C-alpha atoms as a PDB file:
ATOM      1  CA  MET A   1      50.380  39.232  92.559  1.00  0.00           C
ATOM      2  CA  ALA A   2      48.881  39.650  89.097  1.00  0.00           C
ATOM      3  CA  SER A   3      49.700  43.361  88.873  1.00  0.00           C
ATOM      4  CA  MET A   4      53.420  42.580  89.165  1.00  0.00           C
ATOM      5  CA  GLY A   5      53.049  39.987  86.421  1.00  0.00           C
ATOM      6  CA  LEU A   6      51.251  42.505  84.217  1.00  0.00           C
ATOM      7  CA  GLN A   7      53.997  45.074  84.769  1.00  0.00           C
ATOM      8  CA  LEU A   8      56.619  42.554  83.726  1.00  0.00           C
ATOM      9  CA  HIS A   9      54.537  41.572  80.702  1.00  0.00           C
ATOM     10  CA  GLN A  10      54.125  45.192  79.605  1.00  0.00           C
ATOM     11  CA  ALA A  11      57.883  45.780  79.858  1.00  0.00           C
ATOM     12  CA  ALA A  12      58.791  42.642  77.893  1.00  0.00           C
ATOM     13  CA  ASN A  13      59.553  42.548  74.178  1.00  0.00           C
ATOM     14  CA  GLU A  14      57.457  40.622  71.665  1.00  0.00           C
ATOM     15  CA  PRO A  15      56.642  37.834  71.249  1.00  0.00           C
ATOM     16  CA  LYS A  16      54.720  37.692  74.487  1.00  0.00           C
ATOM     17  CA  GLU A  17      51.436  36.518  75.897  1.00  0.00           C
ATOM     18  CA  PHE A  18      50.024  37.035  79.370  1.00  0.00           C
ATOM     19  CA  ILE A  19      48.430  33.982  80.959  1.00  0.00           C
ATOM     20  CA  GLU A  20      46.725  34.577  84.299  1.00  0.00           C
ATOM     21  CA  ILE A  21      46.799  31.560  86.563  1.00  0.00           C
ATOM     22  CA  PHE A  22      45.594  31.114  90.109  1.00  0.00           C
ATOM     23  CA  GLY A  23      47.162  29.473  93.128  1.00  0.00           C
ATOM     24  CA  SER A  24      50.537  29.977  94.737  1.00  0.00           C
ATOM     25  CA  HIS A  25      54.089  29.580  93.460  1.00  0.00           C
ATOM     26  CA  ASN A  26      54.033  25.892  94.336  1.00  0.00           C
ATOM     27  CA  ASP A  27      50.533  24.891  93.240  1.00  0.00           C
ATOM     28  CA  GLY A  28      49.564  27.280  90.455  1.00  0.00           C
ATOM     29  CA  PHE A  29      49.902  24.516  87.888  1.00  0.00           C
ATOM     30  CA  LEU A  30      47.534  22.326  89.914  1.00  0.00           C
ATOM     31  CA  VAL A  31      44.984  25.014  90.709  1.00  0.00           C
ATOM     32  CA  SER A  32      44.886  26.400  87.168  1.00  0.00           C
ATOM     33  CA  GLY A  33      45.037  22.995  85.494  1.00  0.00           C
ATOM     34  CA  GLU A  34      43.997  23.252  81.853  1.00  0.00           C
ATOM     35  CA  THR A  35      44.881  26.945  81.560  1.00  0.00           C
ATOM     36  CA  TYR A  36      48.444  26.197  82.664  1.00  0.00           C
ATOM     37  CA  LYS A  37      48.742  23.102  80.475  1.00  0.00           C
ATOM     38  CA  ASN A  38      47.335  24.870  77.409  1.00  0.00           C
ATOM     39  CA  ALA A  39      49.714  27.795  77.856  1.00  0.00           C
ATOM     40  CA  TRP A  40      52.727  25.459  77.852  1.00  0.00           C
ATOM     41  CA  THR A  41      51.368  23.468  74.912  1.00  0.00           C
ATOM     42  CA  ASN A  42      50.862  26.654  72.887  1.00  0.00           C
ATOM     43  CA  TRP A  43      54.337  27.932  73.798  1.00  0.00           C
ATOM     44  CA  LEU A  44      55.973  24.687  72.676  1.00  0.00           C
ATOM     45  CA  LYS A  45      54.017  24.768  69.392  1.00  0.00           C
ATOM     46  CA  PHE A  46      55.139  28.351  68.851  1.00  0.00           C
ATOM     47  CA  LEU A  47      58.779  27.372  69.400  1.00  0.00           C
ATOM     48  CA  GLN A  48      58.521  24.473  66.945  1.00  0.00           C
ATOM     49  CA  GLU A  49      56.947  26.691  64.287  1.00  0.00           C
ATOM     50  CA  TYR A  50      59.491  29.438  64.880  1.00  0.00           C
ATOM     51  CA  GLU A  51      62.373  26.992  64.633  1.00  0.00           C
ATOM     52  CA  SER A  52      61.042  25.606  61.357  1.00  0.00           C
ATOM     53  CA  ARG A  53      60.811  29.148  59.916  1.00  0.00           C
ATOM     54  CA  VAL A  54      64.131  30.612  61.047  1.00  0.00           C
ATOM     55  CA  GLY A  55      66.218  27.612  62.029  1.00  0.00           C
ATOM     56  CA  ARG A  56      67.458  26.416  65.355  1.00  0.00           C
ATOM     57  CA  ALA A  57      69.155  28.935  67.652  1.00  0.00           C
ATOM     58  CA  SER A  58      72.833  28.282  68.221  1.00  0.00           C
END
């Protein structure tokens, strides 16, 4: 349910980004396709950039 996801998002600390996908727990990545893939790609880019700025977490 998106409202539960939004509540969790609002309670979370930064950095954060809310990505709304469609489908169920088991097929959301299939149903939402490019949205899901782009969200993961952007997250991985963010982690690489963050690591290069502050160093790798230990």
